[in-house]
Amino acid sequence: MGETDIDFSMDTTLVEGDVDSWLEVTYSKTLSIFHGTVVFTIIIVMVLLINLG
């Protein structure tokens, strides 16, 4: 595939009104649940390793 066949643009003005801001997306409910679960798991593993190690 040549470079002339590639149809890709990083211009975000095309979807500016359709998508929330990056800050709203970063702190969305779904990502908060995901990151909360990851952080909680890390804390549990750290506590277990400190107590058992």
PDB file of N, CA and C in Angstrom:
ATOM      1  N   MET A   1       0.847  -1.161   0.000  1.00  0.00           N
ATOM      2  CA  MET A   1       0.000   0.000   0.000  1.00  0.00           C
ATOM      3  C   MET A   1       0.900   1.234   0.000  1.00  0.00           C
ATOM      4  N   GLY A   2       0.671   2.104  -0.913  1.00  0.00           N
ATOM      5  CA  GLY A   2       1.464   3.319  -1.007  1.00  0.00           C
ATOM      6  C   GLY A   2       0.945   4.411  -0.096  1.00  0.00           C
ATOM      7  N   GLU A   3       1.765   5.443   0.092  1.00  0.00           N
ATOM      8  CA  GLU A   3       1.360   6.536   0.976  1.00  0.00           C
ATOM      9  C   GLU A   3       0.162   7.292   0.441  1.00  0.00           C
ATOM     10  N   THR A   4      -0.031   7.308  -0.850  1.00  0.00           N
ATOM     11  CA  THR A   4      -1.181   8.016  -1.417  1.00  0.00           C
ATOM     12  C   THR A   4      -2.485   7.271  -1.158  1.00  0.00           C
ATOM     13  N   ASP A   5      -2.418   5.971  -0.839  1.00  0.00           N
ATOM     14  CA  ASP A   5      -3.614   5.179  -0.567  1.00  0.00           C
ATOM     15  C   ASP A   5      -4.078   5.288   0.888  1.00  0.00           C
ATOM     16  N   ILE A   6      -3.235   5.841   1.756  1.00  0.00           N
ATOM     17  CA  ILE A   6      -3.564   5.914   3.171  1.00  0.00           C
ATOM     18  C   ILE A   6      -4.483   7.099   3.427  1.00  0.00           C
ATOM     19  N   ASP A   7      -5.630   6.825   4.074  1.00  0.00           N
ATOM     20  CA  ASP A   7      -6.613   7.860   4.374  1.00  0.00           C
ATOM     21  C   ASP A   7      -6.684   8.022   5.893  1.00  0.00           C
ATOM     22  N   PHE A   8      -5.760   8.804   6.444  1.00  0.00           N
ATOM     23  CA  PHE A   8      -5.682   8.970   7.886  1.00  0.00           C
ATOM     24  C   PHE A   8      -5.345  10.416   8.210  1.00  0.00           C
ATOM     25  N   SER A   9      -6.053  10.970   9.176  1.00  0.00           N
ATOM     26  CA  SER A   9      -5.790  12.336   9.574  1.00  0.00           C
ATOM     27  C   SER A   9      -5.875  12.448  11.089  1.00  0.00           C
ATOM     28  N   MET A  10      -5.004  13.235  11.669  1.00  0.00           N
ATOM     29  CA  MET A  10      -5.044  13.466  13.111  1.00  0.00           C
ATOM     30  C   MET A  10      -5.743  14.783  13.432  1.00  0.00           C
ATOM     31  N   ASP A  11      -6.434  15.343  12.461  1.00  0.00           N
ATOM     32  CA  ASP A  11      -7.176  16.579  12.645  1.00  0.00           C
ATOM     33  C   ASP A  11      -8.458  16.281  13.412  1.00  0.00           C
ATOM     34  N   THR A  12      -8.545  16.734  14.656  1.00  0.00           N
ATOM     35  CA  THR A  12      -9.693  16.417  15.508  1.00  0.00           C
ATOM     36  C   THR A  12     -10.836  17.419  15.374  1.00  0.00           C
ATOM     37  N   THR A  13     -10.659  18.440  14.569  1.00  0.00           N
ATOM     38  CA  THR A  13     -11.741  19.415  14.410  1.00  0.00           C
ATOM     39  C   THR A  13     -12.955  18.808  13.716  1.00  0.00           C
ATOM     40  N   LEU A  14     -12.770  17.685  13.050  1.00  0.00           N
ATOM     41  CA  LEU A  14     -13.885  17.031  12.369  1.00  0.00           C
ATOM     42  C   LEU A  14     -14.922  16.500  13.356  1.00  0.00           C
ATOM     43  N   VAL A  15     -14.508  16.126  14.564  1.00  0.00           N
ATOM     44  CA  VAL A  15     -15.418  15.556  15.565  1.00  0.00           C
ATOM     45  C   VAL A  15     -15.503  16.424  16.818  1.00  0.00           C
ATOM     46  N   GLU A  16     -15.127  17.675  16.697  1.00  0.00           N
ATOM     47  CA  GLU A  16     -15.030  18.549  17.855  1.00  0.00           C
ATOM     48  C   GLU A  16     -16.345  18.659  18.630  1.00  0.00           C
ATOM     49  N   GLY A  17     -17.468  18.748  17.976  1.00  0.00           N
ATOM     50  CA  GLY A  17     -18.744  18.880  18.666  1.00  0.00           C
ATOM     51  C   GLY A  17     -19.368  17.554  19.050  1.00  0.00           C
ATOM     52  N   ASP A  18     -18.874  16.438  18.507  1.00  0.00           N
ATOM     53  CA  ASP A  18     -19.472  15.122  18.723  1.00  0.00           C
ATOM     54  C   ASP A  18     -18.901  14.371  19.922  1.00  0.00           C
ATOM     55  N   VAL A  19     -17.731  14.769  20.386  1.00  0.00           N
ATOM     56  CA  VAL A  19     -17.019  14.032  21.425  1.00  0.00           C
ATOM     57  C   VAL A  19     -16.749  14.966  22.604  1.00  0.00           C
ATOM     58  N   ASP A  20     -16.833  14.421  23.827  1.00  0.00           N
ATOM     59  CA  ASP A  20     -16.514  15.206  25.016  1.00  0.00           C
ATOM     60  C   ASP A  20     -15.042  15.588  25.010  1.00  0.00           C
ATOM     61  N   SER A  21     -14.686  16.537  25.861  1.00  0.00           N
ATOM     62  CA  SER A  21     -13.289  16.964  25.948  1.00  0.00           C
ATOM     63  C   SER A  21     -12.436  15.822  26.492  1.00  0.00           C
ATOM     64  N   TRP A  22     -11.127  15.919  26.298  1.00  0.00           N
ATOM     65  CA  TRP A  22     -10.236  14.836  26.738  1.00  0.00           C
ATOM     66  C   TRP A  22     -10.268  14.697  28.254  1.00  0.00           C
ATOM     67  N   LEU A  23     -10.481  15.793  28.966  1.00  0.00           N
ATOM     68  CA  LEU A  23     -10.539  15.725  30.419  1.00  0.00           C
ATOM     69  C   LEU A  23     -11.779  14.953  30.878  1.00  0.00           C
ATOM     70  N   GLU A  24     -12.913  15.186  30.232  1.00  0.00           N
ATOM     71  CA  GLU A  24     -14.137  14.458  30.564  1.00  0.00           C
ATOM     72  C   GLU A  24     -14.018  12.981  30.222  1.00  0.00           C
ATOM     73  N   VAL A  25     -13.358  12.678  29.123  1.00  0.00           N
ATOM     74  CA  VAL A  25     -13.168  11.280  28.724  1.00  0.00           C
ATOM     75  C   VAL A  25     -12.199  10.578  29.676  1.00  0.00           C
ATOM     76  N   THR A  26     -11.137  11.273  30.089  1.00  0.00           N
ATOM     77  CA  THR A  26     -10.145  10.694  30.986  1.00  0.00           C
ATOM     78  C   THR A  26     -10.756  10.310  32.329  1.00  0.00           C
ATOM     79  N   TYR A  27     -11.657  11.140  32.839  1.00  0.00           N
ATOM     80  CA  TYR A  27     -12.269  10.884  34.140  1.00  0.00           C
ATOM     81  C   TYR A  27     -13.695  10.368  34.006  1.00  0.00           C
ATOM     82  N   SER A  28     -13.964   9.611  32.965  1.00  0.00           N
ATOM     83  CA  SER A  28     -15.296   9.046  32.771  1.00  0.00           C
ATOM     84  C   SER A  28     -15.563   7.955  33.803  1.00  0.00           C
ATOM     85  N   LYS A  29     -16.838   7.619  33.988  1.00  0.00           N
ATOM     86  CA  LYS A  29     -17.225   6.617  34.983  1.00  0.00           C
ATOM     87  C   LYS A  29     -16.577   5.263  34.678  1.00  0.00           C
ATOM     88  N   THR A  30     -16.565   4.872  33.424  1.00  0.00           N
ATOM     89  CA  THR A  30     -16.003   3.577  33.035  1.00  0.00           C
ATOM     90  C   THR A  30     -14.515   3.494  33.354  1.00  0.00           C
ATOM     91  N   LEU A  31     -13.766   4.527  32.999  1.00  0.00           N
ATOM     92  CA  LEU A  31     -12.328   4.500  33.263  1.00  0.00           C
ATOM     93  C   LEU A  31     -12.033   4.623  34.748  1.00  0.00           C
ATOM     94  N   SER A  32     -12.872   5.328  35.496  1.00  0.00           N
ATOM     95  CA  SER A  32     -12.678   5.420  36.947  1.00  0.00           C
ATOM     96  C   SER A  32     -12.822   4.043  37.588  1.00  0.00           C
ATOM     97  N   ILE A  33     -13.810   3.279  37.153  1.00  0.00           N
ATOM     98  CA  ILE A  33     -14.000   1.920  37.671  1.00  0.00           C
ATOM     99  C   ILE A  33     -12.795   1.050  37.309  1.00  0.00           C
ATOM    100  N   PHE A  34     -12.332   1.137  36.075  1.00  0.00           N
ATOM    101  CA  PHE A  34     -11.187   0.342  35.631  1.00  0.00           C
ATOM    102  C   PHE A  34      -9.938   0.692  36.437  1.00  0.00           C
ATOM    103  N   HIS A  35      -9.602   1.989  36.511  1.00  0.00           N
ATOM    104  CA  HIS A  35      -8.389   2.393  37.219  1.00  0.00           C
ATOM    105  C   HIS A  35      -8.518   2.138  38.720  1.00  0.00           C
ATOM    106  N   GLY A  36      -9.705   2.304  39.264  1.00  0.00           N
ATOM    107  CA  GLY A  36      -9.915   1.998  40.676  1.00  0.00           C
ATOM    108  C   GLY A  36      -9.647   0.539  40.981  1.00  0.00           C
ATOM    109  N   THR A  37     -10.103  -0.342  40.097  1.00  0.00           N
ATOM    110  CA  THR A  37      -9.869  -1.778  40.262  1.00  0.00           C
ATOM    111  C   THR A  37      -8.381  -2.106  40.186  1.00  0.00           C
ATOM    112  N   VAL A  38      -7.680  -1.501  39.258  1.00  0.00           N
ATOM    113  CA  VAL A  38      -6.238  -1.737  39.108  1.00  0.00           C
ATOM    114  C   VAL A  38      -5.494  -1.263  40.353  1.00  0.00           C
ATOM    115  N   VAL A  39      -5.792  -0.048  40.811  1.00  0.00           N
ATOM    116  CA  VAL A  39      -5.119   0.497  41.992  1.00  0.00           C
ATOM    117  C   VAL A  39      -5.440  -0.355  43.223  1.00  0.00           C
ATOM    118  N   PHE A  40      -6.687  -0.757  43.400  1.00  0.00           N
ATOM    119  CA  PHE A  40      -7.090  -1.592  44.527  1.00  0.00           C
ATOM    120  C   PHE A  40      -6.334  -2.919  44.517  1.00  0.00           C
ATOM    121  N   THR A  41      -6.209  -3.525  43.346  1.00  0.00           N
ATOM    122  CA  THR A  41      -5.481  -4.790  43.221  1.00  0.00           C
ATOM    123  C   THR A  41      -4.004  -4.617  43.577  1.00  0.00           C
ATOM    124  N   ILE A  42      -3.404  -3.545  43.124  1.00  0.00           N
ATOM    125  CA  ILE A  42      -1.994  -3.283  43.435  1.00  0.00           C
ATOM    126  C   ILE A  42      -1.809  -3.108  44.939  1.00  0.00           C
ATOM    127  N   ILE A  43      -2.711  -2.379  45.579  1.00  0.00           N
ATOM    128  CA  ILE A  43      -2.615  -2.168  47.023  1.00  0.00           C
ATOM    129  C   ILE A  43      -2.754  -3.488  47.775  1.00  0.00           C
ATOM    130  N   ILE A  44      -3.704  -4.326  47.375  1.00  0.00           N
ATOM    131  CA  ILE A  44      -3.887  -5.630  48.024  1.00  0.00           C
ATOM    132  C   ILE A  44      -2.631  -6.484  47.879  1.00  0.00           C
ATOM    133  N   VAL A  45      -2.050  -6.523  46.696  1.00  0.00           N
ATOM    134  CA  VAL A  45      -0.832  -7.318  46.467  1.00  0.00           C
ATOM    135  C   VAL A  45       0.318  -6.758  47.302  1.00  0.00           C
ATOM    136  N   MET A  46       0.440  -5.428  47.382  1.00  0.00           N
ATOM    137  CA  MET A  46       1.504  -4.843  48.190  1.00  0.00           C
ATOM    138  C   MET A  46       1.342  -5.219  49.666  1.00  0.00           C
ATOM    139  N   VAL A  47       0.128  -5.136  50.178  1.00  0.00           N
ATOM    140  CA  VAL A  47      -0.118  -5.485  51.577  1.00  0.00           C
ATOM    141  C   VAL A  47       0.207  -6.944  51.821  1.00  0.00           C
ATOM    142  N   LEU A  48      -0.201  -7.812  50.919  1.00  0.00           N
ATOM    143  CA  LEU A  48       0.086  -9.240  51.061  1.00  0.00           C
ATOM    144  C   LEU A  48       1.583  -9.513  51.032  1.00  0.00           C
ATOM    145  N   LEU A  49       2.286  -8.856  50.118  1.00  0.00           N
ATOM    146  CA  LEU A  49       3.729  -9.072  50.029  1.00  0.00           C
ATOM    147  C   LEU A  49       4.458  -8.544  51.247  1.00  0.00           C
ATOM    148  N   ILE A  50       4.015  -7.427  51.791  1.00  0.00           N
ATOM    149  CA  ILE A  50       4.665  -6.884  52.981  1.00  0.00           C
ATOM    150  C   ILE A  50       4.424  -7.804  54.198  1.00  0.00           C
ATOM    151  N   ASN A  51       3.192  -8.294  54.316  1.00  0.00           N
ATOM    152  CA  ASN A  51       2.860  -9.141  55.467  1.00  0.00           C
ATOM    153  C   ASN A  51       3.422 -10.552  55.362  1.00  0.00           C
ATOM    154  N   LEU A  52       3.508 -11.083  54.155  1.00  0.00           N
ATOM    155  CA  LEU A  52       3.979 -12.457  53.970  1.00  0.00           C
ATOM    156  C   LEU A  52       5.475 -12.523  53.655  1.00  0.00           C
ATOM    157  N   GLY A  53       6.053 -11.420  53.217  1.00  0.00           N
ATOM    158  CA  GLY A  53       7.446 -11.417  52.770  1.00  0.00           C
ATOM    159  C   GLY A  53       8.340 -11.125  53.874  1.00  0.00           C
TER     160      GLY A  53
END
